[in-house]
Amino acid sequence: MAGGFRRGNRQRLPKLEGRGELQELEREGPFKEWLGMPDLYRYFLVVEGEKYSYQTEDAELPVAVGDRVVFRYKETKGGNWIDRNSLGKAIDPSEYQ
């Protein structure tokens, strides 16, 4: 199927956005899903009291406990999963000088 083609006329659900102070950070891994795939690390984050999961190939995240973070996520039966490459530090314009 061609990229961007959608069957039917259903509206796409908008991405959910999370932001707040990172309170806890825990790493699991590395995991090998299959031969030839890079190691995957699973992170469990607590932001403003809500739990989120994040999976990436990076052994270290660009954020630390105490940072204000922003990200996109989706709600699943297994919990809230942060979208790949969407986790980053939130920039406050009043502090950006």
Protein backbone atom coordinates (compact mmCIF):
# COMPACT_ATOMS: atom_id res chain seq x y z
CA MET A 1 0.00 0.00 0.00
CA ALA A 2 1.15 3.50 -0.72
CA GLY A 3 2.29 5.61 2.19
CA GLY A 4 -0.32 7.96 3.60
CA PHE A 5 -3.24 6.07 2.07
CA ARG A 6 -6.07 5.40 4.52
CA ARG A 7 -8.98 3.09 3.91
CA GLY A 8 -12.35 4.56 4.74
CA ASN A 9 -12.94 8.02 6.00
CA ARG A 10 -12.08 7.56 9.66
CA GLN A 11 -10.49 10.37 11.57
CA ARG A 12 -7.07 9.59 13.03
CA LEU A 13 -6.83 9.90 16.80
CA PRO A 14 -4.57 12.81 17.76
CA LYS A 15 -1.33 11.98 19.55
CA LEU A 16 -1.40 12.48 23.29
CA GLU A 17 1.25 14.80 24.71
CA GLY A 18 2.80 14.50 28.13
CA ARG A 19 4.96 16.99 29.94
CA GLY A 20 6.17 17.56 33.46
CA GLU A 21 9.01 16.84 35.86
CA LEU A 22 10.74 13.47 35.55
CA GLN A 23 10.54 11.93 39.02
CA GLU A 24 11.87 8.39 38.50
CA LEU A 25 13.86 6.60 35.82
CA GLU A 26 14.65 2.89 35.64
CA ARG A 27 16.41 0.95 32.86
CA GLU A 28 16.09 -2.70 31.82
CA GLY A 29 18.19 -4.48 29.26
CA PRO A 30 19.87 -4.79 26.90
CA PHE A 31 17.50 -7.15 25.09
CA LYS A 32 18.21 -8.92 21.80
CA GLU A 33 14.91 -9.28 19.94
CA TRP A 34 16.42 -11.17 16.99
CA LEU A 35 19.77 -11.76 15.33
CA GLY A 36 21.22 -8.68 13.67
CA MET A 37 19.01 -6.25 15.56
CA PRO A 38 20.74 -3.73 17.84
CA ASP A 39 20.33 -4.09 21.59
CA LEU A 40 17.13 -2.57 22.94
CA TYR A 41 16.77 -0.90 26.33
CA ARG A 42 13.43 -0.52 28.09
CA TYR A 43 12.98 2.48 30.36
CA PHE A 44 10.28 3.01 32.95
CA LEU A 45 9.63 6.67 33.73
CA VAL A 46 7.40 8.43 36.24
CA VAL A 47 6.37 11.92 35.14
CA GLU A 48 4.08 13.92 37.43
CA GLY A 49 2.96 10.70 39.13
CA GLU A 50 2.05 8.89 35.87
CA LYS A 51 3.99 5.80 34.72
CA TYR A 52 5.28 5.52 31.16
CA SER A 53 7.40 3.01 29.22
CA TYR A 54 9.95 3.86 26.53
CA GLN A 55 12.01 1.56 24.31
CA THR A 56 15.13 2.63 22.44
CA GLU A 57 18.56 1.48 21.25
CA ASP A 58 20.29 4.17 23.33
CA ALA A 59 21.98 3.02 26.52
CA GLU A 60 21.61 6.54 27.99
CA LEU A 61 18.68 8.92 27.74
CA PRO A 62 19.07 12.65 27.00
CA VAL A 63 17.08 13.43 30.16
CA ALA A 64 17.77 12.95 33.87
CA VAL A 65 15.68 12.83 37.03
CA GLY A 66 14.55 16.36 37.92
CA ASP A 67 14.42 17.60 34.30
CA ARG A 68 11.22 18.97 32.80
CA VAL A 69 10.39 16.65 29.90
CA VAL A 70 7.96 16.61 26.99
CA PHE A 71 6.91 13.65 24.80
CA ARG A 72 4.16 12.06 22.70
CA TYR A 73 2.60 8.81 23.88
CA LYS A 74 -0.20 6.34 23.31
CA GLU A 75 -2.37 4.53 25.80
CA THR A 76 -2.38 0.73 25.47
CA LYS A 77 -3.61 -2.18 27.56
CA GLY A 78 -0.04 -2.62 28.78
CA GLY A 79 0.25 0.99 29.94
CA ASN A 80 1.39 4.28 28.42
CA TRP A 81 4.13 3.93 25.75
CA ILE A 82 6.21 6.94 24.75
CA ASP A 83 6.69 7.26 20.98
CA ARG A 84 10.14 6.57 19.63
CA ASN A 85 12.38 9.67 19.37
CA SER A 86 9.79 11.97 20.97
CA LEU A 87 11.28 12.20 24.48
CA GLY A 88 13.21 15.38 25.22
CA LYS A 89 13.78 18.24 27.63
CA ALA A 90 11.07 20.90 27.72
CA ILE A 91 12.43 24.39 27.11
CA ASP A 92 10.92 27.14 29.23
CA PRO A 93 11.13 30.42 27.28
CA SER A 94 11.50 32.45 30.47
CA GLU A 95 14.67 30.53 31.41
CA TYR A 96 16.09 30.42 27.87
CA GLN A 97 18.64 33.23 27.78
